[in-house]
Amino acid sequence: MSSALLVMDVQQAIVDAVDDGSGYLPRLRGAIDGARAAGLPVIYVTIAFRPGFPEIGTRNKPLAAIAAAGLYVEGAPGTEIHPEVAPLPGDVVVTKKRASAFSGSDLDVVLRARGIDSLVLTGIATSAVVLSTVCQANDLDYGLTILPDACLDTDPEVHRVLVERLFPQWAEVVEVDEWVRSLATG
């Protein structure tokens, strides 16, 4: 089984709005460094829209709110991946147009071209990109691991319920340190 680490929506403006100072970025950096040391590809997923938001309809309430606020326009300040976890040359960066990392992106094509059939998920927010990607990846028959301490949400209780109650039904849920240790010994 070939795996990849997905780092999803860890963009400057999103981190600025959500990071609570609990050490999220250093934990995520540990997962990225562990994946690299084990030879796993690190694939970054971002959300960005064309100027004028032609890909957002009015019936999609969360995205309509993003468009109304003028957020995440391609190339605008704040859409870049946070510098503490920035990609290295050669890393793949996928841009999506919806909550799931697969929606409106070429992620599935990139994964299949590399023979990747198992994903390790991290990102912001647990209740948005992580949840949506878990659902779609499960339907696409990917093996799944979620690093709950490398996921972050604006609502800590929603995060807790997802990582303790829902995600274990579909995925392995493992803390970053335990996952990195398993890579080193596996």
N, C-alpha and C. Protein backbone atom coordinates (compact mmCIF):
# COMPACT_ATOMS: atom_id res chain seq x y z
N MET A 1 0.84 -1.18 0.00
CA MET A 1 0.00 0.00 0.00
C MET A 1 0.89 1.24 0.00
N SER A 2 0.62 2.17 -0.90
CA SER A 2 1.39 3.40 -1.01
C SER A 2 0.58 4.56 -0.43
N SER A 3 1.21 5.32 0.47
CA SER A 3 0.52 6.39 1.19
C SER A 3 1.08 7.75 0.83
N ALA A 4 0.25 8.78 1.10
CA ALA A 4 0.67 10.18 0.98
C ALA A 4 0.05 10.95 2.14
N LEU A 5 0.77 11.96 2.60
CA LEU A 5 0.25 12.88 3.61
C LEU A 5 -0.39 14.06 2.89
N LEU A 6 -1.65 14.35 3.21
CA LEU A 6 -2.33 15.53 2.67
C LEU A 6 -2.34 16.63 3.72
N VAL A 7 -1.87 17.80 3.33
CA VAL A 7 -1.89 19.00 4.18
C VAL A 7 -2.91 19.94 3.53
N MET A 8 -4.08 20.07 4.17
CA MET A 8 -5.22 20.69 3.50
C MET A 8 -5.63 22.02 4.14
N ASP A 9 -5.71 23.03 3.29
CA ASP A 9 -6.22 24.36 3.65
C ASP A 9 -5.43 25.03 4.77
N VAL A 10 -4.14 24.72 4.88
CA VAL A 10 -3.31 25.37 5.88
C VAL A 10 -2.69 26.61 5.23
N GLN A 11 -3.59 27.54 4.92
CA GLN A 11 -3.24 28.78 4.24
C GLN A 11 -3.18 29.91 5.25
N GLN A 12 -2.39 30.92 4.94
CA GLN A 12 -2.12 32.00 5.90
C GLN A 12 -3.39 32.58 6.52
N ALA A 13 -4.37 32.97 5.71
CA ALA A 13 -5.58 33.60 6.24
C ALA A 13 -6.40 32.63 7.09
N ILE A 14 -6.40 31.35 6.72
CA ILE A 14 -7.15 30.36 7.49
C ILE A 14 -6.47 30.12 8.83
N VAL A 15 -5.15 29.96 8.83
CA VAL A 15 -4.41 29.78 10.08
C VAL A 15 -4.62 31.00 10.97
N ASP A 16 -4.52 32.20 10.41
CA ASP A 16 -4.70 33.42 11.20
C ASP A 16 -6.07 33.47 11.86
N ALA A 17 -7.10 32.95 11.18
CA ALA A 17 -8.46 32.99 11.71
C ALA A 17 -8.76 31.89 12.72
N VAL A 18 -8.04 30.77 12.63
CA VAL A 18 -8.43 29.59 13.41
C VAL A 18 -7.41 29.18 14.47
N ASP A 19 -6.12 29.37 14.22
CA ASP A 19 -5.10 28.84 15.14
C ASP A 19 -5.24 29.49 16.51
N ASP A 20 -5.36 28.64 17.51
CA ASP A 20 -5.60 29.09 18.88
C ASP A 20 -4.33 29.17 19.71
N GLY A 21 -3.18 29.04 19.08
CA GLY A 21 -1.93 29.11 19.82
C GLY A 21 -1.59 27.84 20.59
N SER A 22 -2.23 26.73 20.24
CA SER A 22 -2.03 25.47 20.98
C SER A 22 -0.89 24.63 20.42
N GLY A 23 -0.11 25.17 19.52
CA GLY A 23 1.00 24.41 18.95
C GLY A 23 0.63 23.62 17.72
N TYR A 24 -0.44 24.03 17.05
CA TYR A 24 -0.90 23.31 15.87
C TYR A 24 0.18 23.23 14.78
N LEU A 25 0.75 24.36 14.40
CA LEU A 25 1.72 24.35 13.29
C LEU A 25 2.96 23.51 13.60
N PRO A 26 3.53 23.58 14.81
CA PRO A 26 4.67 22.68 15.09
C PRO A 26 4.29 21.20 15.03
N ARG A 27 3.09 20.83 15.49
CA ARG A 27 2.66 19.42 15.38
C ARG A 27 2.53 19.02 13.92
N LEU A 28 1.91 19.88 13.12
CA LEU A 28 1.78 19.60 11.70
C LEU A 28 3.15 19.49 11.05
N ARG A 29 4.05 20.38 11.41
CA ARG A 29 5.43 20.33 10.88
C ARG A 29 6.07 18.99 11.23
N GLY A 30 5.82 18.47 12.43
CA GLY A 30 6.34 17.17 12.82
C GLY A 30 5.82 16.05 11.93
N ALA A 31 4.52 16.13 11.57
CA ALA A 31 3.95 15.12 10.67
C ALA A 31 4.59 15.23 9.28
N ILE A 32 4.76 16.44 8.80
CA ILE A 32 5.37 16.64 7.48
C ILE A 32 6.81 16.12 7.48
N ASP A 33 7.57 16.48 8.51
CA ASP A 33 8.96 16.01 8.59
C ASP A 33 9.02 14.49 8.69
N GLY A 34 8.10 13.90 9.46
CA GLY A 34 8.06 12.45 9.59
C GLY A 34 7.74 11.77 8.27
N ALA A 35 6.80 12.32 7.54
CA ALA A 35 6.44 11.76 6.22
C ALA A 35 7.64 11.84 5.28
N ARG A 36 8.28 12.99 5.24
CA ARG A 36 9.44 13.16 4.36
C ARG A 36 10.56 12.17 4.72
N ALA A 37 10.83 12.03 6.03
CA ALA A 37 11.89 11.12 6.47
C ALA A 37 11.58 9.68 6.07
N ALA A 38 10.29 9.33 6.01
CA ALA A 38 9.89 7.97 5.64
C ALA A 38 9.72 7.80 4.12
N GLY A 39 9.96 8.88 3.38
CA GLY A 39 9.84 8.80 1.92
C GLY A 39 8.41 8.91 1.40
N LEU A 40 7.48 9.35 2.25
CA LEU A 40 6.09 9.53 1.79
C LEU A 40 5.94 10.88 1.11
N PRO A 41 5.20 10.93 0.01
CA PRO A 41 4.94 12.23 -0.59
C PRO A 41 4.04 13.08 0.30
N VAL A 42 4.32 14.37 0.31
CA VAL A 42 3.48 15.35 1.00
C VAL A 42 2.78 16.15 -0.09
N ILE A 43 1.46 16.11 -0.07
CA ILE A 43 0.66 16.80 -1.08
C ILE A 43 -0.15 17.88 -0.37
N TYR A 44 -0.03 19.09 -0.88
CA TYR A 44 -0.73 20.23 -0.30
C TYR A 44 -2.01 20.49 -1.09
N VAL A 45 -3.05 20.83 -0.35
CA VAL A 45 -4.34 21.16 -0.96
C VAL A 45 -4.72 22.55 -0.47
N THR A 46 -5.06 23.42 -1.42
CA THR A 46 -5.50 24.77 -1.07
C THR A 46 -6.88 25.03 -1.67
N ILE A 47 -7.53 26.05 -1.15
CA ILE A 47 -8.79 26.51 -1.73
C ILE A 47 -8.55 27.90 -2.30
N ALA A 48 -8.97 28.09 -3.54
CA ALA A 48 -8.83 29.39 -4.18
C ALA A 48 -9.84 29.49 -5.32
N PHE A 49 -10.27 30.72 -5.57
CA PHE A 49 -11.30 30.97 -6.59
C PHE A 49 -10.85 32.04 -7.56
N ARG A 50 -11.42 32.00 -8.74
CA ARG A 50 -11.13 33.03 -9.75
C ARG A 50 -11.70 34.37 -9.30
N PRO A 51 -11.10 35.47 -9.76
CA PRO A 51 -11.70 36.77 -9.46
C PRO A 51 -13.16 36.81 -9.94
N GLY A 52 -14.01 37.34 -9.12
CA GLY A 52 -15.43 37.39 -9.44
C GLY A 52 -16.21 36.16 -9.00
N PHE A 53 -15.51 35.13 -8.57
CA PHE A 53 -16.11 33.90 -8.02
C PHE A 53 -17.11 33.23 -8.96
N PRO A 54 -16.75 33.00 -10.22
CA PRO A 54 -17.72 32.38 -11.13
C PRO A 54 -18.05 30.94 -10.77
N GLU A 55 -17.22 30.29 -9.96
CA GLU A 55 -17.48 28.89 -9.60
C GLU A 55 -18.35 28.74 -8.36
N ILE A 56 -18.82 29.86 -7.78
CA ILE A 56 -19.64 29.79 -6.57
C ILE A 56 -21.07 30.21 -6.88
N GLY A 57 -22.00 29.29 -6.60
CA GLY A 57 -23.43 29.59 -6.76
C GLY A 57 -24.02 30.11 -5.46
N THR A 58 -25.15 30.74 -5.56
CA THR A 58 -25.79 31.35 -4.38
C THR A 58 -26.39 30.33 -3.43
N ARG A 59 -26.66 29.11 -3.89
CA ARG A 59 -27.27 28.10 -3.01
C ARG A 59 -26.26 27.45 -2.07
N ASN A 60 -24.96 27.60 -2.33
CA ASN A 60 -23.93 27.05 -1.46
C ASN A 60 -23.63 28.11 -0.39
N LYS A 61 -24.28 27.97 0.76
CA LYS A 61 -24.20 29.00 1.79
C LYS A 61 -22.77 29.30 2.27
N PRO A 62 -21.96 28.28 2.61
CA PRO A 62 -20.61 28.61 3.08
C PRO A 62 -19.76 29.30 2.01
N LEU A 63 -19.84 28.81 0.78
CA LEU A 63 -19.02 29.42 -0.27
C LEU A 63 -19.56 30.78 -0.68
N ALA A 64 -20.89 30.96 -0.66
CA ALA A 64 -21.47 32.27 -0.95
C ALA A 64 -20.98 33.30 0.07
N ALA A 65 -20.83 32.88 1.34
CA ALA A 65 -20.31 33.78 2.37
C ALA A 65 -18.85 34.14 2.09
N ILE A 66 -18.07 33.15 1.62
CA ILE A 66 -16.67 33.42 1.26
C ILE A 66 -16.61 34.42 0.12
N ALA A 67 -17.46 34.23 -0.90
CA ALA A 67 -17.48 35.16 -2.03
C ALA A 67 -17.90 36.56 -1.58
N ALA A 68 -18.92 36.64 -0.73
CA ALA A 68 -19.40 37.95 -0.25
C ALA A 68 -18.30 38.68 0.52
N ALA A 69 -17.46 37.93 1.20
CA ALA A 69 -16.36 38.53 1.95
C ALA A 69 -15.12 38.76 1.09
N GLY A 70 -15.15 38.25 -0.15
CA GLY A 70 -14.03 38.44 -1.06
C GLY A 70 -12.79 37.65 -0.68
N LEU A 71 -12.99 36.50 -0.04
CA LEU A 71 -11.86 35.70 0.46
C LEU A 71 -11.36 34.69 -0.57
N TYR A 72 -10.09 34.33 -0.45
CA TYR A 72 -9.46 33.23 -1.17
C TYR A 72 -9.48 33.37 -2.69
N VAL A 73 -9.25 34.58 -3.15
CA VAL A 73 -9.11 34.80 -4.59
C VAL A 73 -7.70 34.37 -4.99
N GLU A 74 -7.60 33.63 -6.10
CA GLU A 74 -6.30 33.14 -6.57
C GLU A 74 -5.26 34.25 -6.53
N GLY A 75 -4.13 33.97 -5.88
CA GLY A 75 -3.02 34.91 -5.85
C GLY A 75 -3.13 36.03 -4.83
N ALA A 76 -4.27 36.15 -4.15
CA ALA A 76 -4.45 37.23 -3.18
C ALA A 76 -3.68 36.93 -1.90
N PRO A 77 -3.28 37.99 -1.17
CA PRO A 77 -2.63 37.76 0.12
C PRO A 77 -3.52 36.90 1.02
N GLY A 78 -2.89 35.99 1.73
CA GLY A 78 -3.63 35.12 2.64
C GLY A 78 -3.95 33.76 2.05
N THR A 79 -3.91 33.64 0.71
CA THR A 79 -4.22 32.34 0.10
C THR A 79 -3.01 31.42 0.06
N GLU A 80 -1.82 31.96 0.31
CA GLU A 80 -0.61 31.15 0.24
C GLU A 80 -0.55 30.18 1.42
N ILE A 81 0.12 29.06 1.22
CA ILE A 81 0.31 28.08 2.28
C ILE A 81 1.17 28.72 3.37
N HIS A 82 0.80 28.48 4.62
CA HIS A 82 1.50 29.10 5.74
C HIS A 82 3.00 28.78 5.65
N PRO A 83 3.86 29.78 5.83
CA PRO A 83 5.30 29.56 5.65
C PRO A 83 5.91 28.54 6.61
N GLU A 84 5.31 28.30 7.77
CA GLU A 84 5.87 27.31 8.70
C GLU A 84 5.73 25.88 8.20
N VAL A 85 4.85 25.67 7.23
CA VAL A 85 4.65 24.31 6.69
C VAL A 85 4.69 24.31 5.17
N ALA A 86 5.35 25.30 4.59
CA ALA A 86 5.35 25.51 3.14
C ALA A 86 5.92 24.32 2.38
N PRO A 87 5.42 24.12 1.16
CA PRO A 87 5.93 23.02 0.32
C PRO A 87 7.39 23.23 -0.05
N LEU A 88 8.04 22.12 -0.35
CA LEU A 88 9.39 22.14 -0.90
C LEU A 88 9.29 22.04 -2.42
N PRO A 89 10.35 22.42 -3.13
CA PRO A 89 10.34 22.23 -4.58
C PRO A 89 10.04 20.77 -4.91
N GLY A 90 9.16 20.55 -5.85
CA GLY A 90 8.79 19.21 -6.24
C GLY A 90 7.54 18.69 -5.56
N ASP A 91 7.12 19.32 -4.45
CA ASP A 91 5.87 18.92 -3.81
C ASP A 91 4.70 19.32 -4.69
N VAL A 92 3.68 18.50 -4.70
CA VAL A 92 2.48 18.79 -5.47
C VAL A 92 1.57 19.68 -4.64
N VAL A 93 1.05 20.74 -5.27
CA VAL A 93 0.03 21.60 -4.66
C VAL A 93 -1.21 21.53 -5.54
N VAL A 94 -2.31 21.12 -4.94
CA VAL A 94 -3.58 20.96 -5.64
C VAL A 94 -4.51 22.08 -5.17
N THR A 95 -5.21 22.71 -6.11
CA THR A 95 -6.18 23.74 -5.75
C THR A 95 -7.58 23.19 -5.97
N LYS A 96 -8.41 23.32 -4.93
CA LYS A 96 -9.78 22.83 -4.99
C LYS A 96 -10.75 24.00 -5.02
N LYS A 97 -12.00 23.68 -5.35
CA LYS A 97 -13.03 24.71 -5.46
C LYS A 97 -14.21 24.47 -4.52
N ARG A 98 -14.12 23.44 -3.70
CA ARG A 98 -15.19 23.09 -2.77
C ARG A 98 -14.56 22.59 -1.47
N ALA A 99 -15.36 22.10 -0.55
CA ALA A 99 -14.84 21.66 0.75
C ALA A 99 -13.92 20.46 0.62
N SER A 100 -14.31 19.43 -0.12
CA SER A 100 -13.50 18.24 -0.27
C SER A 100 -12.25 18.52 -1.11
N ALA A 101 -11.15 17.90 -0.72
CA ALA A 101 -9.92 18.04 -1.49
C ALA A 101 -10.06 17.51 -2.91
N PHE A 102 -11.05 16.66 -3.13
CA PHE A 102 -11.27 16.07 -4.46
C PHE A 102 -12.15 16.94 -5.35
N SER A 103 -12.98 17.79 -4.77
CA SER A 103 -13.99 18.52 -5.54
C SER A 103 -13.40 19.73 -6.28
N GLY A 104 -13.48 19.66 -7.58
CA GLY A 104 -12.97 20.75 -8.40
C GLY A 104 -11.46 20.76 -8.51
N SER A 105 -10.82 19.62 -8.19
CA SER A 105 -9.36 19.55 -8.28
C SER A 105 -8.96 18.30 -9.06
N ASP A 106 -7.67 18.17 -9.30
CA ASP A 106 -7.14 16.98 -9.97
C ASP A 106 -6.46 16.03 -8.97
N LEU A 107 -6.85 16.11 -7.69
CA LEU A 107 -6.20 15.29 -6.67
C LEU A 107 -6.28 13.80 -6.97
N ASP A 108 -7.44 13.30 -7.36
CA ASP A 108 -7.57 11.86 -7.63
C ASP A 108 -6.64 11.43 -8.76
N VAL A 109 -6.51 12.26 -9.78
CA VAL A 109 -5.62 11.96 -10.91
C VAL A 109 -4.17 11.90 -10.43
N VAL A 110 -3.77 12.87 -9.61
CA VAL A 110 -2.40 12.91 -9.07
C VAL A 110 -2.12 11.66 -8.24
N LEU A 111 -3.07 11.30 -7.37
CA LEU A 111 -2.87 10.14 -6.50
C LEU A 111 -2.77 8.85 -7.31
N ARG A 112 -3.68 8.66 -8.23
CA ARG A 112 -3.69 7.43 -9.02
C ARG A 112 -2.45 7.33 -9.92
N ALA A 113 -1.99 8.46 -10.45
CA ALA A 113 -0.79 8.46 -11.29
C ALA A 113 0.44 8.02 -10.49
N ARG A 114 0.44 8.28 -9.19
CA ARG A 114 1.56 7.90 -8.32
C ARG A 114 1.33 6.57 -7.63
N GLY A 115 0.21 5.91 -7.91
CA GLY A 115 -0.07 4.62 -7.28
C GLY A 115 -0.42 4.73 -5.81
N ILE A 116 -0.89 5.88 -5.38
CA ILE A 116 -1.23 6.09 -3.97
C ILE A 116 -2.66 5.60 -3.72
N ASP A 117 -2.79 4.72 -2.72
CA ASP A 117 -4.11 4.19 -2.40
C ASP A 117 -4.48 4.38 -0.94
N SER A 118 -3.65 5.12 -0.21
CA SER A 118 -3.89 5.36 1.21
C SER A 118 -3.51 6.79 1.54
N LEU A 119 -4.37 7.48 2.29
CA LEU A 119 -4.16 8.89 2.60
C LEU A 119 -4.07 9.11 4.09
N VAL A 120 -3.19 10.02 4.47
CA VAL A 120 -3.07 10.48 5.85
C VAL A 120 -3.52 11.94 5.82
N LEU A 121 -4.59 12.25 6.56
CA LEU A 121 -5.23 13.56 6.44
C LEU A 121 -4.90 14.48 7.61
N THR A 122 -4.60 15.73 7.25
CA THR A 122 -4.40 16.82 8.20
C THR A 122 -5.07 18.04 7.61
N GLY A 123 -5.37 19.04 8.44
CA GLY A 123 -5.86 20.28 7.87
C GLY A 123 -6.80 21.08 8.73
N ILE A 124 -7.20 22.19 8.15
CA ILE A 124 -8.12 23.14 8.76
C ILE A 124 -9.26 23.38 7.78
N ALA A 125 -10.43 23.09 8.10
CA ALA A 125 -11.02 22.79 9.39
C ALA A 125 -11.50 21.34 9.40
N THR A 126 -11.49 20.78 10.61
CA THR A 126 -11.92 19.40 10.78
C THR A 126 -13.33 19.20 10.24
N SER A 127 -14.21 20.17 10.47
CA SER A 127 -15.61 20.06 10.07
C SER A 127 -15.86 20.46 8.62
N ALA A 128 -14.83 20.84 7.91
CA ALA A 128 -14.99 21.24 6.50
C ALA A 128 -14.12 20.34 5.62
N VAL A 129 -12.90 20.75 5.31
CA VAL A 129 -12.07 20.00 4.38
C VAL A 129 -11.79 18.58 4.86
N VAL A 130 -11.53 18.40 6.14
CA VAL A 130 -11.20 17.05 6.62
C VAL A 130 -12.42 16.15 6.52
N LEU A 131 -13.55 16.58 7.06
CA LEU A 131 -14.77 15.78 7.00
C LEU A 131 -15.18 15.48 5.55
N SER A 132 -15.20 16.48 4.72
CA SER A 132 -15.61 16.28 3.32
C SER A 132 -14.67 15.36 2.58
N THR A 133 -13.38 15.50 2.83
CA THR A 133 -12.39 14.64 2.16
C THR A 133 -12.48 13.21 2.67
N VAL A 134 -12.69 13.03 3.97
CA VAL A 134 -12.87 11.68 4.51
C VAL A 134 -14.04 10.99 3.81
N CYS A 135 -15.15 11.67 3.70
CA CYS A 135 -16.34 11.07 3.07
C CYS A 135 -16.05 10.69 1.62
N GLN A 136 -15.48 11.61 0.86
CA GLN A 136 -15.24 11.32 -0.55
C GLN A 136 -14.14 10.29 -0.75
N ALA A 137 -13.07 10.37 0.03
CA ALA A 137 -11.98 9.38 -0.09
C ALA A 137 -12.47 7.99 0.28
N ASN A 138 -13.33 7.90 1.27
CA ASN A 138 -13.92 6.62 1.65
C ASN A 138 -14.73 6.06 0.48
N ASP A 139 -15.53 6.90 -0.16
CA ASP A 139 -16.32 6.45 -1.32
C ASP A 139 -15.44 6.04 -2.49
N LEU A 140 -14.24 6.60 -2.58
CA LEU A 140 -13.29 6.26 -3.65
C LEU A 140 -12.38 5.10 -3.28
N ASP A 141 -12.62 4.49 -2.11
CA ASP A 141 -11.89 3.30 -1.65
C ASP A 141 -10.43 3.56 -1.28
N TYR A 142 -10.11 4.77 -0.85
CA TYR A 142 -8.77 5.03 -0.33
C TYR A 142 -8.70 4.53 1.11
N GLY A 143 -7.56 3.98 1.51
CA GLY A 143 -7.31 3.72 2.91
C GLY A 143 -7.10 5.05 3.60
N LEU A 144 -7.55 5.18 4.85
CA LEU A 144 -7.52 6.48 5.51
C LEU A 144 -6.93 6.42 6.90
N THR A 145 -6.07 7.39 7.19
CA THR A 145 -5.58 7.67 8.53
C THR A 145 -5.80 9.16 8.76
N ILE A 146 -6.25 9.50 9.96
CA ILE A 146 -6.45 10.91 10.31
C ILE A 146 -5.58 11.20 11.51
N LEU A 147 -4.85 12.31 11.43
CA LEU A 147 -4.02 12.77 12.54
C LEU A 147 -4.80 13.87 13.26
N PRO A 148 -5.53 13.53 14.33
CA PRO A 148 -6.45 14.50 14.93
C PRO A 148 -5.77 15.74 15.50
N ASP A 149 -4.54 15.59 15.98
CA ASP A 149 -3.84 16.75 16.52
C ASP A 149 -3.14 17.56 15.43
N ALA A 150 -3.27 17.13 14.18
CA ALA A 150 -2.82 17.91 13.02
C ALA A 150 -4.02 18.40 12.22
N CYS A 151 -5.20 18.36 12.88
CA CYS A 151 -6.43 18.93 12.34
C CYS A 151 -6.88 20.00 13.34
N LEU A 152 -7.58 21.01 12.87
CA LEU A 152 -7.99 22.11 13.72
C LEU A 152 -9.35 22.59 13.25
N ASP A 153 -10.16 23.05 14.18
CA ASP A 153 -11.49 23.54 13.84
C ASP A 153 -11.81 24.76 14.69
N THR A 154 -12.70 25.59 14.20
CA THR A 154 -13.13 26.76 14.97
C THR A 154 -13.94 26.36 16.20
N ASP A 155 -14.54 25.17 16.16
CA ASP A 155 -15.36 24.68 17.26
C ASP A 155 -14.72 23.43 17.86
N PRO A 156 -14.08 23.56 19.02
CA PRO A 156 -13.39 22.41 19.61
C PRO A 156 -14.31 21.22 19.88
N GLU A 157 -15.56 21.46 20.21
CA GLU A 157 -16.48 20.35 20.48
C GLU A 157 -16.81 19.59 19.20
N VAL A 158 -17.02 20.28 18.10
CA VAL A 158 -17.25 19.62 16.82
C VAL A 158 -16.02 18.79 16.44
N HIS A 159 -14.85 19.36 16.60
CA HIS A 159 -13.60 18.63 16.33
C HIS A 159 -13.56 17.35 17.16
N ARG A 160 -13.83 17.47 18.47
CA ARG A 160 -13.78 16.31 19.36
C ARG A 160 -14.75 15.23 18.92
N VAL A 161 -15.98 15.59 18.63
CA VAL A 161 -16.98 14.60 18.22
C VAL A 161 -16.55 13.91 16.92
N LEU A 162 -16.05 14.67 15.97
CA LEU A 162 -15.62 14.07 14.70
C LEU A 162 -14.48 13.09 14.91
N VAL A 163 -13.43 13.50 15.64
CA VAL A 163 -12.25 12.64 15.75
C VAL A 163 -12.45 11.49 16.74
N GLU A 164 -13.36 11.65 17.69
CA GLU A 164 -13.58 10.56 18.66
C GLU A 164 -14.73 9.64 18.28
N ARG A 165 -15.74 10.16 17.60
CA ARG A 165 -16.94 9.36 17.36
C ARG A 165 -17.15 8.96 15.91
N LEU A 166 -16.99 9.91 14.98
CA LEU A 166 -17.31 9.64 13.58
C LEU A 166 -16.12 9.07 12.80
N PHE A 167 -14.99 9.75 12.82
CA PHE A 167 -13.86 9.33 12.00
C PHE A 167 -13.38 7.90 12.28
N PRO A 168 -13.38 7.43 13.55
CA PRO A 168 -12.92 6.05 13.78
C PRO A 168 -13.76 4.99 13.07
N GLN A 169 -14.95 5.35 12.62
CA GLN A 169 -15.78 4.40 11.88
C GLN A 169 -15.24 4.18 10.46
N TRP A 170 -14.48 5.13 9.95
CA TRP A 170 -14.02 5.09 8.56
C TRP A 170 -12.50 5.05 8.41
N ALA A 171 -11.78 5.39 9.48
CA ALA A 171 -10.34 5.60 9.33
C ALA A 171 -9.62 5.22 10.62
N GLU A 172 -8.31 5.03 10.49
CA GLU A 172 -7.47 4.95 11.67
C GLU A 172 -7.28 6.38 12.16
N VAL A 173 -7.43 6.59 13.45
CA VAL A 173 -7.23 7.91 14.03
C VAL A 173 -6.06 7.80 14.99
N VAL A 174 -4.96 8.49 14.65
CA VAL A 174 -3.69 8.32 15.36
C VAL A 174 -3.06 9.70 15.57
N GLU A 175 -2.56 9.93 16.78
CA GLU A 175 -1.87 11.19 17.07
C GLU A 175 -0.56 11.27 16.26
N VAL A 176 -0.12 12.50 15.99
CA VAL A 176 1.07 12.72 15.16
C VAL A 176 2.28 11.94 15.68
N ASP A 177 2.60 12.07 16.97
CA ASP A 177 3.81 11.42 17.50
C ASP A 177 3.75 9.90 17.31
N GLU A 178 2.60 9.30 17.56
CA GLU A 178 2.46 7.85 17.39
C GLU A 178 2.61 7.46 15.92
N TRP A 179 2.02 8.26 15.03
CA TRP A 179 2.12 7.99 13.59
C TRP A 179 3.57 8.09 13.12
N VAL A 180 4.26 9.13 13.54
CA VAL A 180 5.66 9.30 13.12
C VAL A 180 6.52 8.15 13.66
N ARG A 181 6.28 7.74 14.91
CA ARG A 181 7.02 6.59 15.46
C ARG A 181 6.75 5.32 14.64
N SER A 182 5.51 5.13 14.23
CA SER A 182 5.18 3.94 13.44
C SER A 182 5.88 3.96 12.08
N LEU A 183 6.08 5.14 11.51
CA LEU A 183 6.81 5.25 10.25
C LEU A 183 8.27 4.83 10.43
N ALA A 184 8.84 5.26 11.55
CA ALA A 184 10.25 4.99 11.81
C ALA A 184 10.50 3.50 12.09
N THR A 185 9.51 2.83 12.66
CA THR A 185 9.69 1.42 13.01
C THR A 185 9.06 0.48 11.98
N GLY A 186 8.24 1.04 11.10
CA GLY A 186 7.47 0.21 10.19
C GLY A 186 8.16 -0.18 8.96
